[in-house]
């Protein structure tokens, strides 16, 4: 699989990515209507998309965007191809194109996925990939309980 960087997603890519996001994150992050997902994408500032592709199939998606004077990111991998270096491949591409990355990471396993299974925290994955954890910087609301992570090019 290779990483392809794009700025504008096609309608078909958006549909695939909505499905990927709904299956990769806890159920409370899901979008039931495509229009809702499209509005979410339109709300992002200075967004850049990174698709993990094999032929015509999308197996992963990462994107960066600008918020609160910082570059933030999100990443998701199809559950069937996790644990094979694909997430690291996407992270490395984000690092090549940014000097600093920020994200929120769910650091517990209390959330449920769309398939009914418990959401597994990816915190150790990010630590393994060189991110620092800011234990005292947290977000907690009805959708998410998470800790801030950061990677800086040293």
C-alpha atoms as a PDB file:
ATOM      1  CA  UNK A   1       0.000   0.000   0.000  1.00  0.00           C
ATOM      2  CA  UNK A   2       1.213   3.493  -0.740  1.00  0.00           C
ATOM      3  CA  UNK A   3       0.383   6.883   0.748  1.00  0.00           C
ATOM      4  CA  UNK A   4      -1.108   9.489  -1.589  1.00  0.00           C
ATOM      5  CA  UNK A   5      -1.423  13.127  -0.458  1.00  0.00           C
ATOM      6  CA  UNK A   6      -4.410  15.052  -1.808  1.00  0.00           C
ATOM      7  CA  UNK A   7      -6.138  18.303  -0.938  1.00  0.00           C
ATOM      8  CA  UNK A   8      -9.592  17.712  -2.435  1.00  0.00           C
ATOM      9  CA  UNK A   9     -11.498  14.470  -1.974  1.00  0.00           C
ATOM     10  CA  UNK A  10     -13.844  13.096  -4.619  1.00  0.00           C
ATOM     11  CA  UNK A  11     -17.422  12.214  -3.726  1.00  0.00           C
ATOM     12  CA  UNK A  12     -16.582   8.488  -3.905  1.00  0.00           C
ATOM     13  CA  UNK A  13     -13.524   8.927  -1.667  1.00  0.00           C
ATOM     14  CA  UNK A  14     -15.641  10.813   0.880  1.00  0.00           C
ATOM     15  CA  UNK A  15     -18.177   7.978   0.977  1.00  0.00           C
ATOM     16  CA  UNK A  16     -15.436   5.389   1.546  1.00  0.00           C
ATOM     17  CA  UNK A  17     -13.806   7.567   4.226  1.00  0.00           C
ATOM     18  CA  UNK A  18     -17.079   8.100   6.089  1.00  0.00           C
ATOM     19  CA  UNK A  19     -17.484   4.326   6.284  1.00  0.00           C
ATOM     20  CA  UNK A  20     -13.834   3.901   7.351  1.00  0.00           C
ATOM     21  CA  UNK A  21     -14.200   6.550  10.085  1.00  0.00           C
ATOM     22  CA  UNK A  22     -17.454   5.068  11.347  1.00  0.00           C
ATOM     23  CA  UNK A  23     -15.772   1.659  11.698  1.00  0.00           C
ATOM     24  CA  UNK A  24     -12.441   2.873  13.118  1.00  0.00           C
ATOM     25  CA  UNK A  25     -13.660   5.141  15.929  1.00  0.00           C
ATOM     26  CA  UNK A  26     -16.115   4.721  18.809  1.00  0.00           C
ATOM     27  CA  UNK A  27     -19.769   4.817  17.835  1.00  0.00           C
ATOM     28  CA  UNK A  28     -20.304   8.350  19.211  1.00  0.00           C
ATOM     29  CA  UNK A  29     -18.019   9.715  16.447  1.00  0.00           C
ATOM     30  CA  UNK A  30     -20.068   8.146  13.681  1.00  0.00           C
ATOM     31  CA  UNK A  31     -21.960  10.042  11.018  1.00  0.00           C
ATOM     32  CA  UNK A  32     -25.279   8.523  10.001  1.00  0.00           C
ATOM     33  CA  UNK A  33     -25.881  10.928   7.113  1.00  0.00           C
ATOM     34  CA  UNK A  34     -23.360  11.711   4.396  1.00  0.00           C
ATOM     35  CA  UNK A  35     -24.299  15.412   4.531  1.00  0.00           C
ATOM     36  CA  UNK A  36     -23.288  15.503   8.202  1.00  0.00           C
ATOM     37  CA  UNK A  37     -19.887  13.977   7.378  1.00  0.00           C
ATOM     38  CA  UNK A  38     -19.422  16.391   4.478  1.00  0.00           C
ATOM     39  CA  UNK A  39     -20.168  19.347   6.773  1.00  0.00           C
ATOM     40  CA  UNK A  40     -17.571  18.023   9.223  1.00  0.00           C
ATOM     41  CA  UNK A  41     -14.947  17.902   6.457  1.00  0.00           C
ATOM     42  CA  UNK A  42     -15.900  21.400   5.279  1.00  0.00           C
ATOM     43  CA  UNK A  43     -15.414  22.746   8.813  1.00  0.00           C
ATOM     44  CA  UNK A  44     -11.709  21.836   8.818  1.00  0.00           C
ATOM     45  CA  UNK A  45      -9.211  24.623   8.109  1.00  0.00           C
ATOM     46  CA  UNK A  46      -6.159  24.114   5.876  1.00  0.00           C
ATOM     47  CA  UNK A  47      -6.870  20.389   5.605  1.00  0.00           C
ATOM     48  CA  UNK A  48      -4.538  17.975   3.809  1.00  0.00           C
ATOM     49  CA  UNK A  49      -5.537  14.362   3.255  1.00  0.00           C
ATOM     50  CA  UNK A  50      -3.283  11.304   3.115  1.00  0.00           C
ATOM     51  CA  UNK A  51      -4.857   8.149   1.722  1.00  0.00           C
ATOM     52  CA  UNK A  52      -3.319   4.722   2.178  1.00  0.00           C
ATOM     53  CA  UNK A  53      -4.200   3.036  -1.108  1.00  0.00           C
ATOM     54  CA  UNK A  54      -3.731  -0.327  -2.753  1.00  0.00           C
ATOM     55  CA  UNK A  55      -4.816  -0.183  -6.413  1.00  0.00           C
ATOM     56  CA  UNK A  56      -8.298   1.374  -6.087  1.00  0.00           C
ATOM     57  CA  UNK A  57      -8.966   0.435  -2.447  1.00  0.00           C
ATOM     58  CA  UNK A  58      -8.491   2.827   0.476  1.00  0.00           C
ATOM     59  CA  UNK A  59      -7.188   1.064   3.585  1.00  0.00           C
ATOM     60  CA  UNK A  60      -6.331   4.068   5.710  1.00  0.00           C
ATOM     61  CA  UNK A  61      -6.736   7.797   5.991  1.00  0.00           C
ATOM     62  CA  UNK A  62      -4.911  10.523   7.840  1.00  0.00           C
ATOM     63  CA  UNK A  63      -5.451  14.238   7.643  1.00  0.00           C
ATOM     64  CA  UNK A  64      -3.963  17.372   9.112  1.00  0.00           C
ATOM     65  CA  UNK A  65      -5.746  20.624   9.805  1.00  0.00           C
ATOM     66  CA  UNK A  66      -5.133  23.930  11.555  1.00  0.00           C
ATOM     67  CA  UNK A  67      -6.798  24.669  14.921  1.00  0.00           C
ATOM     68  CA  UNK A  68      -5.856  26.958  17.818  1.00  0.00           C
ATOM     69  CA  UNK A  69      -2.616  28.088  16.121  1.00  0.00           C
ATOM     70  CA  UNK A  70      -1.418  24.460  15.798  1.00  0.00           C
ATOM     71  CA  UNK A  71      -1.401  21.648  13.256  1.00  0.00           C
ATOM     72  CA  UNK A  72      -3.662  18.806  14.403  1.00  0.00           C
ATOM     73  CA  UNK A  73      -4.141  15.382  12.876  1.00  0.00           C
ATOM     74  CA  UNK A  74      -6.371  12.351  12.824  1.00  0.00           C
ATOM     75  CA  UNK A  75      -5.609   8.883  11.523  1.00  0.00           C
ATOM     76  CA  UNK A  76      -7.643   5.757  10.952  1.00  0.00           C
ATOM     77  CA  UNK A  77      -6.811   2.346   9.502  1.00  0.00           C
ATOM     78  CA  UNK A  78      -9.173  -0.355   8.309  1.00  0.00           C
ATOM     79  CA  UNK A  79      -9.351  -2.850  11.197  1.00  0.00           C
ATOM     80  CA  UNK A  80      -8.442  -5.717   8.861  1.00  0.00           C
ATOM     81  CA  UNK A  81      -5.017  -4.263   8.041  1.00  0.00           C
ATOM     82  CA  UNK A  82      -3.989  -2.961  11.466  1.00  0.00           C
ATOM     83  CA  UNK A  83      -0.822  -4.287  13.067  1.00  0.00           C
ATOM     84  CA  UNK A  84       1.038  -4.496   9.749  1.00  0.00           C
ATOM     85  CA  UNK A  85       2.921  -1.182   9.770  1.00  0.00           C
ATOM     86  CA  UNK A  86       0.268   0.751   7.850  1.00  0.00           C
ATOM     87  CA  UNK A  87      -0.443   3.223  10.647  1.00  0.00           C
ATOM     88  CA  UNK A  88       3.266   3.904  11.026  1.00  0.00           C
ATOM     89  CA  UNK A  89       3.503   4.436   7.261  1.00  0.00           C
ATOM     90  CA  UNK A  90       0.825   7.142   7.481  1.00  0.00           C
ATOM     91  CA  UNK A  91       2.410   8.727  10.577  1.00  0.00           C
ATOM     92  CA  UNK A  92       5.800   8.874   8.842  1.00  0.00           C
ATOM     93  CA  UNK A  93       4.222  10.678   5.886  1.00  0.00           C
ATOM     94  CA  UNK A  94       2.597  13.198   8.235  1.00  0.00           C
ATOM     95  CA  UNK A  95       5.964  13.757   9.910  1.00  0.00           C
ATOM     96  CA  UNK A  96       7.680  14.335   6.536  1.00  0.00           C
ATOM     97  CA  UNK A  97       5.192  17.104   5.758  1.00  0.00           C
ATOM     98  CA  UNK A  98       4.945  18.805   9.178  1.00  0.00           C
ATOM     99  CA  UNK A  99       7.273  20.093  11.890  1.00  0.00           C
ATOM    100  CA  UNK A 100       4.751  19.610  14.680  1.00  0.00           C
ATOM    101  CA  UNK A 101       1.641  17.423  15.110  1.00  0.00           C
ATOM    102  CA  UNK A 102      -1.027  17.490  17.807  1.00  0.00           C
ATOM    103  CA  UNK A 103      -3.856  15.089  18.503  1.00  0.00           C
ATOM    104  CA  UNK A 104      -6.356  13.821  21.027  1.00  0.00           C
ATOM    105  CA  UNK A 105      -6.040  10.146  21.909  1.00  0.00           C
ATOM    106  CA  UNK A 106      -8.593   8.137  23.829  1.00  0.00           C
ATOM    107  CA  UNK A 107      -6.536   6.637  26.657  1.00  0.00           C
ATOM    108  CA  UNK A 108      -9.090   4.179  28.050  1.00  0.00           C
ATOM    109  CA  UNK A 109     -11.092   1.248  26.726  1.00  0.00           C
ATOM    110  CA  UNK A 110     -14.580   2.202  27.897  1.00  0.00           C
ATOM    111  CA  UNK A 111     -15.973   3.208  24.479  1.00  0.00           C
ATOM    112  CA  UNK A 112     -17.781   0.853  22.120  1.00  0.00           C
ATOM    113  CA  UNK A 113     -17.228   0.448  18.382  1.00  0.00           C
ATOM    114  CA  UNK A 114     -19.982   0.222  15.780  1.00  0.00           C
ATOM    115  CA  UNK A 115     -19.513  -3.585  15.714  1.00  0.00           C
ATOM    116  CA  UNK A 116     -20.154  -3.804  19.471  1.00  0.00           C
ATOM    117  CA  UNK A 117     -16.532  -4.450  20.464  1.00  0.00           C
ATOM    118  CA  UNK A 118     -14.574  -2.314  22.917  1.00  0.00           C
ATOM    119  CA  UNK A 119     -12.468   0.454  21.360  1.00  0.00           C
ATOM    120  CA  UNK A 120      -8.776  -0.276  21.936  1.00  0.00           C
ATOM    121  CA  UNK A 121      -6.766   2.787  22.880  1.00  0.00           C
ATOM    122  CA  UNK A 122      -3.992   3.556  20.361  1.00  0.00           C
ATOM    123  CA  UNK A 123      -1.926   5.477  22.941  1.00  0.00           C
ATOM    124  CA  UNK A 124       0.961   2.972  22.967  1.00  0.00           C
ATOM    125  CA  UNK A 125       1.101   3.124  19.152  1.00  0.00           C
ATOM    126  CA  UNK A 126       1.676   6.883  19.304  1.00  0.00           C
ATOM    127  CA  UNK A 127       4.287   6.590  22.057  1.00  0.00           C
ATOM    128  CA  UNK A 128       6.093   3.967  19.961  1.00  0.00           C
ATOM    129  CA  UNK A 129       6.034   6.418  17.041  1.00  0.00           C
ATOM    130  CA  UNK A 130       7.740   9.216  18.985  1.00  0.00           C
ATOM    131  CA  UNK A 131       4.795  11.200  20.347  1.00  0.00           C
ATOM    132  CA  UNK A 132       4.857  12.814  23.778  1.00  0.00           C
ATOM    133  CA  UNK A 133       1.827  12.486  26.056  1.00  0.00           C
ATOM    134  CA  UNK A 134       0.599  15.578  27.895  1.00  0.00           C
ATOM    135  CA  UNK A 135      -1.101  13.879  30.846  1.00  0.00           C
ATOM    136  CA  UNK A 136      -2.362  17.196  32.261  1.00  0.00           C
ATOM    137  CA  UNK A 137      -3.943  18.368  28.989  1.00  0.00           C
ATOM    138  CA  UNK A 138      -7.219  16.550  28.538  1.00  0.00           C
ATOM    139  CA  UNK A 139     -10.516  16.928  26.766  1.00  0.00           C
ATOM    140  CA  UNK A 140     -13.609  15.518  28.438  1.00  0.00           C
ATOM    141  CA  UNK A 141     -17.140  15.967  27.134  1.00  0.00           C
ATOM    142  CA  UNK A 142     -20.138  13.847  26.078  1.00  0.00           C
ATOM    143  CA  UNK A 143     -18.263  12.561  22.992  1.00  0.00           C
ATOM    144  CA  UNK A 144     -14.695  12.100  24.112  1.00  0.00           C
ATOM    145  CA  UNK A 145     -12.397  11.604  27.065  1.00  0.00           C
ATOM    146  CA  UNK A 146      -8.837  11.881  25.778  1.00  0.00           C
ATOM    147  CA  UNK A 147      -5.307  13.069  26.400  1.00  0.00           C
ATOM    148  CA  UNK A 148      -3.286  15.402  24.178  1.00  0.00           C
ATOM    149  CA  UNK A 149      -0.297  14.023  22.278  1.00  0.00           C
ATOM    150  CA  UNK A 150       2.371  15.920  20.381  1.00  0.00           C
ATOM    151  CA  UNK A 151       5.228  15.166  18.024  1.00  0.00           C
ATOM    152  CA  UNK A 152       7.862  17.788  17.248  1.00  0.00           C
ATOM    153  CA  UNK A 153      10.646  17.481  14.692  1.00  0.00           C
ATOM    154  CA  UNK A 154      13.774  17.905  16.802  1.00  0.00           C
END
